[in-house]
Amino acid sequence: MAPPEKTRRITDLDTLKALGHPLRIRLYRALRVAGTATASQLADQVDEAVSLVSYHLRKLATHGIIEEAEGHSEDGRERWWRPAVTRITTRDEDFDDAPERAAVHAAITRAHARQRAEMFESWLDEKSAWGEEWRGAAFTSESLMPLTSAELREMDDELRAVIMRWRQRGEAAREAGDVEGRENVAVHTYGFPFRT
């Protein structure tokens, strides 16, 4: 059975800044996919020096985003890491008490949005290399609808529950050795108001 989701809502500026570094965003995402990994394994994935990756992993650990994974090193010399949380959230209301805090939150939210957009653009660039089954299964959509803020929050809760159910299903299957045809999948959802 997949472990339960551990959500952390970031409310302090120092942790938010630690998560805003582009390489740390990539490292956290790579570690979420891998489950556990060493700095050298992650350095290969992100194409950066091991010393630089180790530095950024320690910064993430300092803020409780990742933690050491005990029992993986055979000789005790390699440090293995794992995510300390499976989901990180931020809310505007936690940073709108001062213009400087709101500006940092907005900048870091943009950095995360850019990386999500880059992931999707990579898919668009590389999708011809994937089989027809994956190209046919991938989707993107936009829905426009009139909602209240309370309804938007309710929709968010429902979408998170659906995504959690599928994540647990995939992780449980992977843990049971059911890896045939299984790939890592990114699901990005957004919900925000707009005016025409």
N, C-alpha and C. Protein backbone atom coordinates (compact mmCIF):
# COMPACT_ATOMS: atom_id res chain seq x y z
N MET A 1 0.85 -1.19 0.00
CA MET A 1 0.00 0.00 0.00
C MET A 1 0.89 1.24 0.00
N ALA A 2 0.58 2.18 -0.83
CA ALA A 2 1.35 3.42 -0.91
C ALA A 2 1.20 4.20 0.39
N PRO A 3 2.28 4.88 0.80
CA PRO A 3 2.18 5.67 2.03
C PRO A 3 1.19 6.80 1.87
N PRO A 4 0.59 7.25 2.98
CA PRO A 4 -0.37 8.35 2.89
C PRO A 4 0.34 9.63 2.48
N GLU A 5 -0.42 10.53 1.91
CA GLU A 5 0.12 11.81 1.50
C GLU A 5 0.47 12.64 2.73
N LYS A 6 1.66 13.23 2.69
CA LYS A 6 2.08 14.14 3.75
C LYS A 6 2.18 15.53 3.14
N THR A 7 1.21 16.37 3.47
CA THR A 7 1.14 17.72 2.93
C THR A 7 1.79 18.70 3.89
N ARG A 8 2.52 19.64 3.33
CA ARG A 8 3.08 20.71 4.14
C ARG A 8 2.72 22.04 3.50
N ARG A 9 2.08 22.87 4.27
CA ARG A 9 1.74 24.22 3.82
C ARG A 9 2.86 25.15 4.27
N ILE A 10 3.53 25.76 3.32
CA ILE A 10 4.65 26.64 3.62
C ILE A 10 4.10 28.03 3.96
N THR A 11 4.47 28.52 5.14
CA THR A 11 4.00 29.83 5.57
C THR A 11 5.15 30.76 5.92
N ASP A 12 6.38 30.23 6.05
CA ASP A 12 7.50 31.09 6.40
C ASP A 12 8.33 31.42 5.16
N LEU A 13 8.85 32.63 5.14
CA LEU A 13 9.55 33.15 3.98
C LEU A 13 10.86 32.42 3.70
N ASP A 14 11.60 32.02 4.73
CA ASP A 14 12.87 31.33 4.51
C ASP A 14 12.67 30.01 3.78
N THR A 15 11.68 29.22 4.19
CA THR A 15 11.41 27.95 3.52
C THR A 15 10.92 28.21 2.10
N LEU A 16 10.08 29.20 1.94
CA LEU A 16 9.59 29.54 0.60
C LEU A 16 10.76 29.89 -0.31
N LYS A 17 11.70 30.70 0.17
CA LYS A 17 12.87 31.06 -0.63
C LYS A 17 13.71 29.83 -0.96
N ALA A 18 13.85 28.93 0.01
CA ALA A 18 14.63 27.71 -0.23
C ALA A 18 14.02 26.89 -1.36
N LEU A 19 12.70 26.90 -1.44
CA LEU A 19 12.01 26.14 -2.48
C LEU A 19 11.97 26.85 -3.82
N GLY A 20 12.35 28.12 -3.83
CA GLY A 20 12.24 28.90 -5.05
C GLY A 20 13.41 28.76 -6.00
N HIS A 21 14.49 28.17 -5.55
CA HIS A 21 15.67 28.02 -6.41
C HIS A 21 15.35 27.02 -7.52
N PRO A 22 15.61 27.36 -8.78
CA PRO A 22 15.25 26.46 -9.89
C PRO A 22 15.83 25.06 -9.78
N LEU A 23 17.09 24.95 -9.33
CA LEU A 23 17.68 23.61 -9.21
C LEU A 23 17.03 22.83 -8.08
N ARG A 24 16.66 23.49 -7.02
CA ARG A 24 16.00 22.80 -5.91
C ARG A 24 14.61 22.30 -6.33
N ILE A 25 13.93 23.08 -7.15
CA ILE A 25 12.64 22.63 -7.67
C ILE A 25 12.84 21.33 -8.45
N ARG A 26 13.83 21.31 -9.33
CA ARG A 26 14.11 20.12 -10.14
C ARG A 26 14.54 18.93 -9.28
N LEU A 27 15.37 19.19 -8.27
CA LEU A 27 15.84 18.11 -7.40
C LEU A 27 14.69 17.51 -6.59
N TYR A 28 13.84 18.37 -6.05
CA TYR A 28 12.70 17.86 -5.29
C TYR A 28 11.79 17.01 -6.19
N ARG A 29 11.54 17.50 -7.40
CA ARG A 29 10.69 16.75 -8.33
C ARG A 29 11.34 15.40 -8.68
N ALA A 30 12.65 15.40 -8.95
CA ALA A 30 13.35 14.16 -9.29
C ALA A 30 13.32 13.18 -8.11
N LEU A 31 13.46 13.70 -6.91
CA LEU A 31 13.42 12.84 -5.73
C LEU A 31 12.02 12.30 -5.48
N ARG A 32 11.00 13.10 -5.76
CA ARG A 32 9.61 12.61 -5.63
C ARG A 32 9.37 11.44 -6.59
N VAL A 33 9.93 11.54 -7.79
CA VAL A 33 9.76 10.47 -8.77
C VAL A 33 10.54 9.22 -8.36
N ALA A 34 11.78 9.43 -7.92
CA ALA A 34 12.65 8.29 -7.58
C ALA A 34 12.27 7.64 -6.25
N GLY A 35 11.74 8.41 -5.33
CA GLY A 35 11.44 7.88 -4.00
C GLY A 35 12.63 8.06 -3.08
N THR A 36 13.75 7.46 -3.43
CA THR A 36 15.01 7.64 -2.71
C THR A 36 16.12 7.72 -3.75
N ALA A 37 17.16 8.50 -3.42
CA ALA A 37 18.29 8.63 -4.35
C ALA A 37 19.46 9.26 -3.62
N THR A 38 20.65 9.08 -4.19
CA THR A 38 21.85 9.74 -3.68
C THR A 38 22.07 11.03 -4.45
N ALA A 39 22.95 11.86 -3.94
CA ALA A 39 23.29 13.10 -4.63
C ALA A 39 23.88 12.80 -6.01
N SER A 40 24.71 11.76 -6.11
CA SER A 40 25.31 11.45 -7.42
C SER A 40 24.26 10.96 -8.42
N GLN A 41 23.28 10.20 -7.97
CA GLN A 41 22.21 9.77 -8.87
C GLN A 41 21.39 10.96 -9.35
N LEU A 42 21.09 11.87 -8.43
CA LEU A 42 20.31 13.05 -8.79
C LEU A 42 21.13 13.99 -9.68
N ALA A 43 22.44 14.08 -9.43
CA ALA A 43 23.30 14.93 -10.25
C ALA A 43 23.27 14.45 -11.70
N ASP A 44 23.27 13.14 -11.91
CA ASP A 44 23.16 12.60 -13.27
C ASP A 44 21.85 13.01 -13.92
N GLN A 45 20.78 12.98 -13.14
CA GLN A 45 19.46 13.31 -13.70
C GLN A 45 19.32 14.78 -14.07
N VAL A 46 19.91 15.66 -13.29
CA VAL A 46 19.75 17.09 -13.54
C VAL A 46 20.97 17.70 -14.25
N ASP A 47 21.96 16.85 -14.54
CA ASP A 47 23.16 17.27 -15.27
C ASP A 47 23.89 18.42 -14.57
N GLU A 48 24.15 18.22 -13.29
CA GLU A 48 24.88 19.20 -12.50
C GLU A 48 25.95 18.48 -11.69
N ALA A 49 26.92 19.23 -11.16
CA ALA A 49 28.00 18.67 -10.35
C ALA A 49 27.44 18.09 -9.05
N VAL A 50 28.02 16.98 -8.61
CA VAL A 50 27.57 16.33 -7.38
C VAL A 50 27.69 17.27 -6.19
N SER A 51 28.78 18.03 -6.12
CA SER A 51 28.98 18.95 -4.99
C SER A 51 27.87 20.00 -4.93
N LEU A 52 27.47 20.52 -6.09
CA LEU A 52 26.39 21.51 -6.14
C LEU A 52 25.07 20.88 -5.73
N VAL A 53 24.80 19.69 -6.23
CA VAL A 53 23.57 18.98 -5.88
C VAL A 53 23.54 18.68 -4.38
N SER A 54 24.65 18.23 -3.82
CA SER A 54 24.72 17.94 -2.38
C SER A 54 24.40 19.18 -1.56
N TYR A 55 24.95 20.31 -1.97
CA TYR A 55 24.69 21.57 -1.27
C TYR A 55 23.20 21.88 -1.26
N HIS A 56 22.55 21.78 -2.42
CA HIS A 56 21.13 22.12 -2.50
C HIS A 56 20.26 21.09 -1.78
N LEU A 57 20.67 19.84 -1.78
CA LEU A 57 19.92 18.83 -1.02
C LEU A 57 19.99 19.13 0.47
N ARG A 58 21.15 19.54 0.96
CA ARG A 58 21.27 19.89 2.38
C ARG A 58 20.38 21.09 2.72
N LYS A 59 20.29 22.05 1.81
CA LYS A 59 19.40 23.21 2.03
C LYS A 59 17.95 22.76 2.13
N LEU A 60 17.53 21.87 1.24
CA LEU A 60 16.15 21.35 1.30
C LEU A 60 15.91 20.59 2.60
N ALA A 61 16.91 19.84 3.03
CA ALA A 61 16.79 19.08 4.29
C ALA A 61 16.70 20.02 5.49
N THR A 62 17.47 21.11 5.46
CA THR A 62 17.44 22.09 6.55
C THR A 62 16.02 22.62 6.77
N HIS A 63 15.27 22.72 5.70
CA HIS A 63 13.91 23.26 5.79
C HIS A 63 12.85 22.16 5.87
N GLY A 64 13.27 20.90 6.06
CA GLY A 64 12.32 19.81 6.26
C GLY A 64 11.57 19.37 5.03
N ILE A 65 12.08 19.69 3.85
CA ILE A 65 11.42 19.29 2.61
C ILE A 65 11.84 17.88 2.21
N ILE A 66 13.11 17.56 2.45
CA ILE A 66 13.59 16.20 2.23
C ILE A 66 14.30 15.75 3.51
N GLU A 67 14.60 14.45 3.59
CA GLU A 67 15.28 13.91 4.76
C GLU A 67 16.16 12.74 4.35
N GLU A 68 17.08 12.38 5.22
CA GLU A 68 17.92 11.24 4.93
C GLU A 68 17.08 9.97 5.00
N ALA A 69 17.36 9.06 4.07
CA ALA A 69 16.67 7.76 4.05
C ALA A 69 17.62 6.74 4.64
N GLU A 70 17.35 6.31 5.84
CA GLU A 70 18.22 5.36 6.53
C GLU A 70 18.14 3.98 5.91
N GLY A 71 19.23 3.23 6.05
CA GLY A 71 19.23 1.82 5.64
C GLY A 71 19.46 1.55 4.18
N HIS A 72 19.85 2.55 3.41
CA HIS A 72 20.08 2.33 1.98
C HIS A 72 21.56 2.21 1.64
N SER A 73 22.43 2.82 2.41
CA SER A 73 23.85 2.81 2.11
C SER A 73 24.48 1.54 2.66
N GLU A 74 25.16 0.80 1.79
CA GLU A 74 25.78 -0.46 2.23
C GLU A 74 27.05 -0.22 3.02
N ASP A 75 27.80 0.82 2.67
CA ASP A 75 29.06 1.08 3.38
C ASP A 75 28.99 2.30 4.29
N GLY A 76 27.85 2.96 4.36
CA GLY A 76 27.67 4.10 5.23
C GLY A 76 28.27 5.40 4.72
N ARG A 77 28.88 5.37 3.52
CA ARG A 77 29.51 6.58 3.00
C ARG A 77 28.56 7.40 2.14
N GLU A 78 27.62 6.76 1.49
CA GLU A 78 26.68 7.49 0.64
C GLU A 78 25.45 7.89 1.44
N ARG A 79 25.06 9.13 1.26
CA ARG A 79 23.82 9.60 1.89
C ARG A 79 22.69 9.40 0.89
N TRP A 80 21.65 8.74 1.35
CA TRP A 80 20.44 8.58 0.55
C TRP A 80 19.40 9.56 1.07
N TRP A 81 18.64 10.11 0.14
CA TRP A 81 17.64 11.10 0.47
C TRP A 81 16.26 10.63 0.03
N ARG A 82 15.24 11.16 0.70
CA ARG A 82 13.85 10.91 0.31
C ARG A 82 13.03 12.15 0.64
N PRO A 83 11.89 12.31 -0.02
CA PRO A 83 11.03 13.46 0.30
C PRO A 83 10.49 13.31 1.73
N ALA A 84 10.48 14.38 2.48
CA ALA A 84 9.87 14.38 3.81
C ALA A 84 8.37 14.63 3.69
N VAL A 85 7.98 15.24 2.58
CA VAL A 85 6.58 15.53 2.31
C VAL A 85 6.27 15.13 0.87
N THR A 86 5.04 14.77 0.61
CA THR A 86 4.65 14.39 -0.75
C THR A 86 3.95 15.51 -1.48
N ARG A 87 3.54 16.52 -0.75
CA ARG A 87 2.81 17.63 -1.38
C ARG A 87 3.12 18.91 -0.63
N ILE A 88 3.47 19.94 -1.37
CA ILE A 88 3.78 21.24 -0.79
C ILE A 88 2.75 22.24 -1.31
N THR A 89 2.20 23.02 -0.41
CA THR A 89 1.24 24.05 -0.83
C THR A 89 1.66 25.39 -0.25
N THR A 90 1.24 26.44 -0.94
CA THR A 90 1.37 27.81 -0.43
C THR A 90 0.05 28.51 -0.72
N ARG A 91 -0.22 29.52 0.07
CA ARG A 91 -1.43 30.32 -0.11
C ARG A 91 -1.05 31.79 -0.07
N ASP A 92 -1.68 32.57 -0.93
CA ASP A 92 -1.42 34.01 -0.95
C ASP A 92 -1.61 34.65 0.42
N GLU A 93 -2.65 34.22 1.14
CA GLU A 93 -2.98 34.87 2.41
C GLU A 93 -1.87 34.73 3.46
N ASP A 94 -0.98 33.74 3.28
CA ASP A 94 0.12 33.58 4.23
C ASP A 94 1.27 34.55 3.98
N PHE A 95 1.23 35.26 2.84
CA PHE A 95 2.34 36.15 2.50
C PHE A 95 1.88 37.57 2.14
N ASP A 96 0.59 37.86 2.25
CA ASP A 96 0.12 39.18 1.83
C ASP A 96 0.11 40.21 2.96
N ASP A 97 0.76 39.88 4.08
CA ASP A 97 0.83 40.82 5.20
C ASP A 97 1.88 41.92 5.00
N ALA A 98 2.76 41.73 4.00
CA ALA A 98 3.77 42.74 3.69
C ALA A 98 4.08 42.67 2.20
N PRO A 99 4.26 43.82 1.54
CA PRO A 99 4.51 43.80 0.09
C PRO A 99 5.74 42.98 -0.31
N GLU A 100 6.80 43.00 0.52
CA GLU A 100 8.00 42.25 0.19
C GLU A 100 7.72 40.74 0.21
N ARG A 101 6.97 40.29 1.20
CA ARG A 101 6.64 38.86 1.30
C ARG A 101 5.74 38.44 0.13
N ALA A 102 4.78 39.29 -0.21
CA ALA A 102 3.90 38.99 -1.33
C ALA A 102 4.69 38.92 -2.63
N ALA A 103 5.66 39.80 -2.79
CA ALA A 103 6.48 39.81 -4.02
C ALA A 103 7.32 38.56 -4.13
N VAL A 104 7.90 38.11 -3.02
CA VAL A 104 8.69 36.86 -3.04
C VAL A 104 7.78 35.68 -3.39
N HIS A 105 6.61 35.62 -2.77
CA HIS A 105 5.68 34.53 -3.06
C HIS A 105 5.30 34.52 -4.53
N ALA A 106 5.01 35.68 -5.08
CA ALA A 106 4.63 35.77 -6.49
C ALA A 106 5.78 35.33 -7.39
N ALA A 107 7.00 35.75 -7.08
CA ALA A 107 8.17 35.38 -7.90
C ALA A 107 8.42 33.88 -7.86
N ILE A 108 8.28 33.29 -6.70
CA ILE A 108 8.53 31.84 -6.58
C ILE A 108 7.40 31.05 -7.23
N THR A 109 6.19 31.52 -7.12
CA THR A 109 5.08 30.87 -7.81
C THR A 109 5.31 30.90 -9.32
N ARG A 110 5.82 32.01 -9.83
CA ARG A 110 6.15 32.11 -11.26
C ARG A 110 7.26 31.13 -11.64
N ALA A 111 8.27 30.98 -10.79
CA ALA A 111 9.36 30.04 -11.08
C ALA A 111 8.82 28.62 -11.19
N HIS A 112 7.93 28.24 -10.30
CA HIS A 112 7.32 26.90 -10.37
C HIS A 112 6.47 26.78 -11.63
N ALA A 113 5.73 27.82 -11.98
CA ALA A 113 4.89 27.78 -13.18
C ALA A 113 5.76 27.64 -14.43
N ARG A 114 6.90 28.33 -14.46
CA ARG A 114 7.81 28.21 -15.62
C ARG A 114 8.31 26.79 -15.76
N GLN A 115 8.67 26.15 -14.65
CA GLN A 115 9.17 24.78 -14.74
C GLN A 115 8.06 23.82 -15.19
N ARG A 116 6.84 24.06 -14.76
CA ARG A 116 5.73 23.22 -15.23
C ARG A 116 5.52 23.41 -16.73
N ALA A 117 5.60 24.66 -17.17
CA ALA A 117 5.46 24.94 -18.60
C ALA A 117 6.59 24.29 -19.40
N GLU A 118 7.80 24.32 -18.86
CA GLU A 118 8.94 23.68 -19.53
C GLU A 118 8.73 22.17 -19.64
N MET A 119 8.18 21.56 -18.59
CA MET A 119 7.89 20.12 -18.64
C MET A 119 6.92 19.82 -19.78
N PHE A 120 5.86 20.64 -19.88
CA PHE A 120 4.86 20.40 -20.93
C PHE A 120 5.46 20.66 -22.31
N GLU A 121 6.28 21.69 -22.45
CA GLU A 121 6.91 21.96 -23.74
C GLU A 121 7.86 20.84 -24.13
N SER A 122 8.55 20.24 -23.16
CA SER A 122 9.41 19.08 -23.44
C SER A 122 8.58 17.93 -23.97
N TRP A 123 7.41 17.72 -23.37
CA TRP A 123 6.52 16.67 -23.87
C TRP A 123 6.13 16.96 -25.31
N LEU A 124 5.77 18.19 -25.60
CA LEU A 124 5.38 18.54 -26.97
C LEU A 124 6.54 18.30 -27.95
N ASP A 125 7.75 18.62 -27.53
CA ASP A 125 8.93 18.43 -28.38
C ASP A 125 9.26 16.96 -28.60
N GLU A 126 8.99 16.13 -27.59
CA GLU A 126 9.43 14.74 -27.61
C GLU A 126 8.31 13.73 -27.87
N LYS A 127 7.08 14.18 -27.99
CA LYS A 127 5.98 13.21 -28.02
C LYS A 127 6.01 12.29 -29.22
N SER A 128 6.64 12.70 -30.31
CA SER A 128 6.72 11.80 -31.47
C SER A 128 7.54 10.55 -31.16
N ALA A 129 8.40 10.62 -30.13
CA ALA A 129 9.21 9.46 -29.74
C ALA A 129 8.42 8.48 -28.88
N TRP A 130 7.28 8.89 -28.39
CA TRP A 130 6.45 8.02 -27.56
C TRP A 130 5.50 7.23 -28.46
N GLY A 131 5.08 6.09 -28.00
CA GLY A 131 4.15 5.27 -28.78
C GLY A 131 2.78 5.90 -28.89
N GLU A 132 2.00 5.37 -29.81
CA GLU A 132 0.65 5.89 -30.04
C GLU A 132 -0.21 5.79 -28.78
N GLU A 133 0.00 4.74 -27.96
CA GLU A 133 -0.80 4.60 -26.74
C GLU A 133 -0.61 5.81 -25.82
N TRP A 134 0.65 6.25 -25.66
CA TRP A 134 0.92 7.38 -24.79
C TRP A 134 0.48 8.68 -25.42
N ARG A 135 0.70 8.82 -26.71
CA ARG A 135 0.26 10.06 -27.38
C ARG A 135 -1.26 10.17 -27.32
N GLY A 136 -1.95 9.06 -27.45
CA GLY A 136 -3.41 9.07 -27.39
C GLY A 136 -3.96 9.27 -25.98
N ALA A 137 -3.17 8.86 -24.96
CA ALA A 137 -3.63 8.98 -23.58
C ALA A 137 -3.37 10.36 -23.00
N ALA A 138 -2.35 11.05 -23.49
CA ALA A 138 -2.02 12.37 -22.96
C ALA A 138 -3.14 13.36 -23.30
N PHE A 139 -3.33 14.33 -22.44
CA PHE A 139 -4.41 15.29 -22.68
C PHE A 139 -4.03 16.67 -22.19
N THR A 140 -4.70 17.64 -22.72
CA THR A 140 -4.67 19.01 -22.22
C THR A 140 -6.04 19.59 -22.50
N SER A 141 -6.51 20.39 -21.57
CA SER A 141 -7.84 20.97 -21.78
C SER A 141 -7.95 22.28 -21.03
N GLU A 142 -8.92 23.06 -21.43
CA GLU A 142 -9.24 24.29 -20.73
C GLU A 142 -10.75 24.34 -20.61
N SER A 143 -11.20 24.62 -19.40
CA SER A 143 -12.64 24.76 -19.15
C SER A 143 -12.88 26.13 -18.52
N LEU A 144 -13.82 26.85 -19.06
CA LEU A 144 -14.17 28.17 -18.52
C LEU A 144 -15.57 28.09 -17.94
N MET A 145 -15.75 28.57 -16.70
CA MET A 145 -17.05 28.43 -16.04
C MET A 145 -17.24 29.51 -15.00
N PRO A 146 -18.48 29.91 -14.74
CA PRO A 146 -18.74 30.91 -13.69
C PRO A 146 -18.90 30.22 -12.33
N LEU A 147 -17.99 30.51 -11.40
CA LEU A 147 -18.03 29.89 -10.06
C LEU A 147 -17.84 30.96 -9.00
N THR A 148 -18.24 30.64 -7.79
CA THR A 148 -17.90 31.47 -6.64
C THR A 148 -16.55 31.01 -6.11
N SER A 149 -15.92 31.80 -5.24
CA SER A 149 -14.65 31.37 -4.65
C SER A 149 -14.83 30.11 -3.82
N ALA A 150 -15.97 29.97 -3.15
CA ALA A 150 -16.23 28.76 -2.37
C ALA A 150 -16.34 27.54 -3.28
N GLU A 151 -16.98 27.70 -4.42
CA GLU A 151 -17.10 26.58 -5.36
C GLU A 151 -15.73 26.20 -5.95
N LEU A 152 -14.90 27.19 -6.19
CA LEU A 152 -13.56 26.90 -6.70
C LEU A 152 -12.75 26.12 -5.67
N ARG A 153 -12.86 26.49 -4.40
CA ARG A 153 -12.17 25.71 -3.35
C ARG A 153 -12.72 24.29 -3.27
N GLU A 154 -14.03 24.13 -3.42
CA GLU A 154 -14.63 22.79 -3.39
C GLU A 154 -14.13 21.96 -4.56
N MET A 155 -14.04 22.58 -5.74
CA MET A 155 -13.51 21.87 -6.89
C MET A 155 -12.07 21.43 -6.65
N ASP A 156 -11.27 22.32 -6.06
CA ASP A 156 -9.88 21.99 -5.74
C ASP A 156 -9.82 20.76 -4.84
N ASP A 157 -10.65 20.72 -3.80
CA ASP A 157 -10.67 19.57 -2.89
C ASP A 157 -11.02 18.28 -3.64
N GLU A 158 -12.01 18.35 -4.52
CA GLU A 158 -12.43 17.16 -5.28
C GLU A 158 -11.33 16.70 -6.24
N LEU A 159 -10.69 17.65 -6.94
CA LEU A 159 -9.62 17.29 -7.86
C LEU A 159 -8.44 16.66 -7.12
N ARG A 160 -8.09 17.22 -5.97
CA ARG A 160 -6.99 16.66 -5.18
C ARG A 160 -7.30 15.23 -4.75
N ALA A 161 -8.55 14.97 -4.38
CA ALA A 161 -8.93 13.61 -3.96
C ALA A 161 -8.80 12.63 -5.13
N VAL A 162 -9.21 13.04 -6.31
CA VAL A 162 -9.09 12.18 -7.49
C VAL A 162 -7.62 11.92 -7.80
N ILE A 163 -6.81 12.97 -7.80
CA ILE A 163 -5.39 12.82 -8.10
C ILE A 163 -4.71 11.95 -7.05
N MET A 164 -5.05 12.12 -5.79
CA MET A 164 -4.48 11.30 -4.72
C MET A 164 -4.81 9.83 -4.92
N ARG A 165 -6.06 9.55 -5.29
CA ARG A 165 -6.46 8.15 -5.51
C ARG A 165 -5.61 7.51 -6.61
N TRP A 166 -5.39 8.22 -7.72
CA TRP A 166 -4.60 7.69 -8.82
C TRP A 166 -3.12 7.58 -8.44
N ARG A 167 -2.60 8.55 -7.68
CA ARG A 167 -1.20 8.49 -7.25
C ARG A 167 -0.97 7.28 -6.36
N GLN A 168 -1.86 7.05 -5.40
CA GLN A 168 -1.73 5.89 -4.51
C GLN A 168 -1.84 4.58 -5.29
N ARG A 169 -2.73 4.55 -6.25
CA ARG A 169 -2.87 3.35 -7.07
C ARG A 169 -1.57 3.05 -7.83
N GLY A 170 -0.98 4.08 -8.45
CA GLY A 170 0.26 3.89 -9.20
C GLY A 170 1.42 3.49 -8.30
N GLU A 171 1.54 4.15 -7.15
CA GLU A 171 2.63 3.83 -6.23
C GLU A 171 2.48 2.43 -5.65
N ALA A 172 1.27 2.03 -5.32
CA ALA A 172 1.05 0.69 -4.79
C ALA A 172 1.40 -0.37 -5.85
N ALA A 173 1.03 -0.11 -7.09
CA ALA A 173 1.35 -1.05 -8.16
C ALA A 173 2.85 -1.15 -8.36
N ARG A 174 3.53 -0.01 -8.34
CA ARG A 174 4.99 -0.01 -8.50
C ARG A 174 5.66 -0.77 -7.36
N GLU A 175 5.19 -0.55 -6.13
CA GLU A 175 5.76 -1.25 -4.97
C GLU A 175 5.53 -2.75 -5.06
N ALA A 176 4.42 -3.16 -5.69
CA ALA A 176 4.12 -4.59 -5.84
C ALA A 176 4.86 -5.21 -7.03
N GLY A 177 5.66 -4.41 -7.73
CA GLY A 177 6.42 -4.93 -8.86
C GLY A 177 5.70 -4.85 -10.19
N ASP A 178 4.52 -4.24 -10.20
CA ASP A 178 3.76 -4.08 -11.44
C ASP A 178 4.27 -2.84 -12.17
N VAL A 179 5.35 -3.02 -12.94
CA VAL A 179 5.97 -1.88 -13.62
C VAL A 179 5.80 -1.94 -15.14
N GLU A 180 5.24 -3.00 -15.65
CA GLU A 180 5.06 -3.16 -17.10
C GLU A 180 4.18 -2.04 -17.65
N GLY A 181 4.71 -1.27 -18.58
CA GLY A 181 3.96 -0.21 -19.22
C GLY A 181 3.73 1.03 -18.37
N ARG A 182 4.34 1.07 -17.19
CA ARG A 182 4.12 2.17 -16.26
C ARG A 182 5.20 3.23 -16.46
N GLU A 183 4.81 4.47 -16.62
CA GLU A 183 5.72 5.61 -16.78
C GLU A 183 5.36 6.67 -15.74
N ASN A 184 6.28 7.56 -15.46
CA ASN A 184 5.98 8.71 -14.60
C ASN A 184 5.09 9.67 -15.39
N VAL A 185 4.05 10.15 -14.76
CA VAL A 185 3.09 11.04 -15.41
C VAL A 185 2.95 12.31 -14.57
N ALA A 186 2.98 13.46 -15.22
CA ALA A 186 2.75 14.74 -14.55
C ALA A 186 1.34 15.20 -14.86
N VAL A 187 0.61 15.58 -13.83
CA VAL A 187 -0.73 16.14 -14.00
C VAL A 187 -0.70 17.54 -13.38
N HIS A 188 -0.87 18.54 -14.20
CA HIS A 188 -0.90 19.93 -13.73
C HIS A 188 -2.32 20.45 -13.87
N THR A 189 -2.85 20.97 -12.81
CA THR A 189 -4.19 21.57 -12.87
C THR A 189 -4.08 23.00 -12.32
N TYR A 190 -4.86 23.86 -12.88
CA TYR A 190 -4.89 25.26 -12.43
C TYR A 190 -6.35 25.67 -12.33
N GLY A 191 -6.64 26.51 -11.40
CA GLY A 191 -7.97 27.10 -11.30
C GLY A 191 -7.83 28.50 -10.77
N PHE A 192 -8.23 29.48 -11.55
CA PHE A 192 -8.06 30.87 -11.14
C PHE A 192 -9.11 31.73 -11.82
N PRO A 193 -9.47 32.85 -11.19
CA PRO A 193 -10.47 33.74 -11.80
C PRO A 193 -9.84 34.61 -12.89
N PHE A 194 -10.65 35.05 -13.82
CA PHE A 194 -10.20 35.97 -14.86
C PHE A 194 -11.39 36.82 -15.30
N ARG A 195 -11.08 37.93 -15.89
CA ARG A 195 -12.13 38.79 -16.45
C ARG A 195 -11.82 39.03 -17.91
N THR A 196 -12.85 39.02 -18.75
CA THR A 196 -12.64 39.23 -20.18
C THR A 196 -12.45 40.70 -20.48
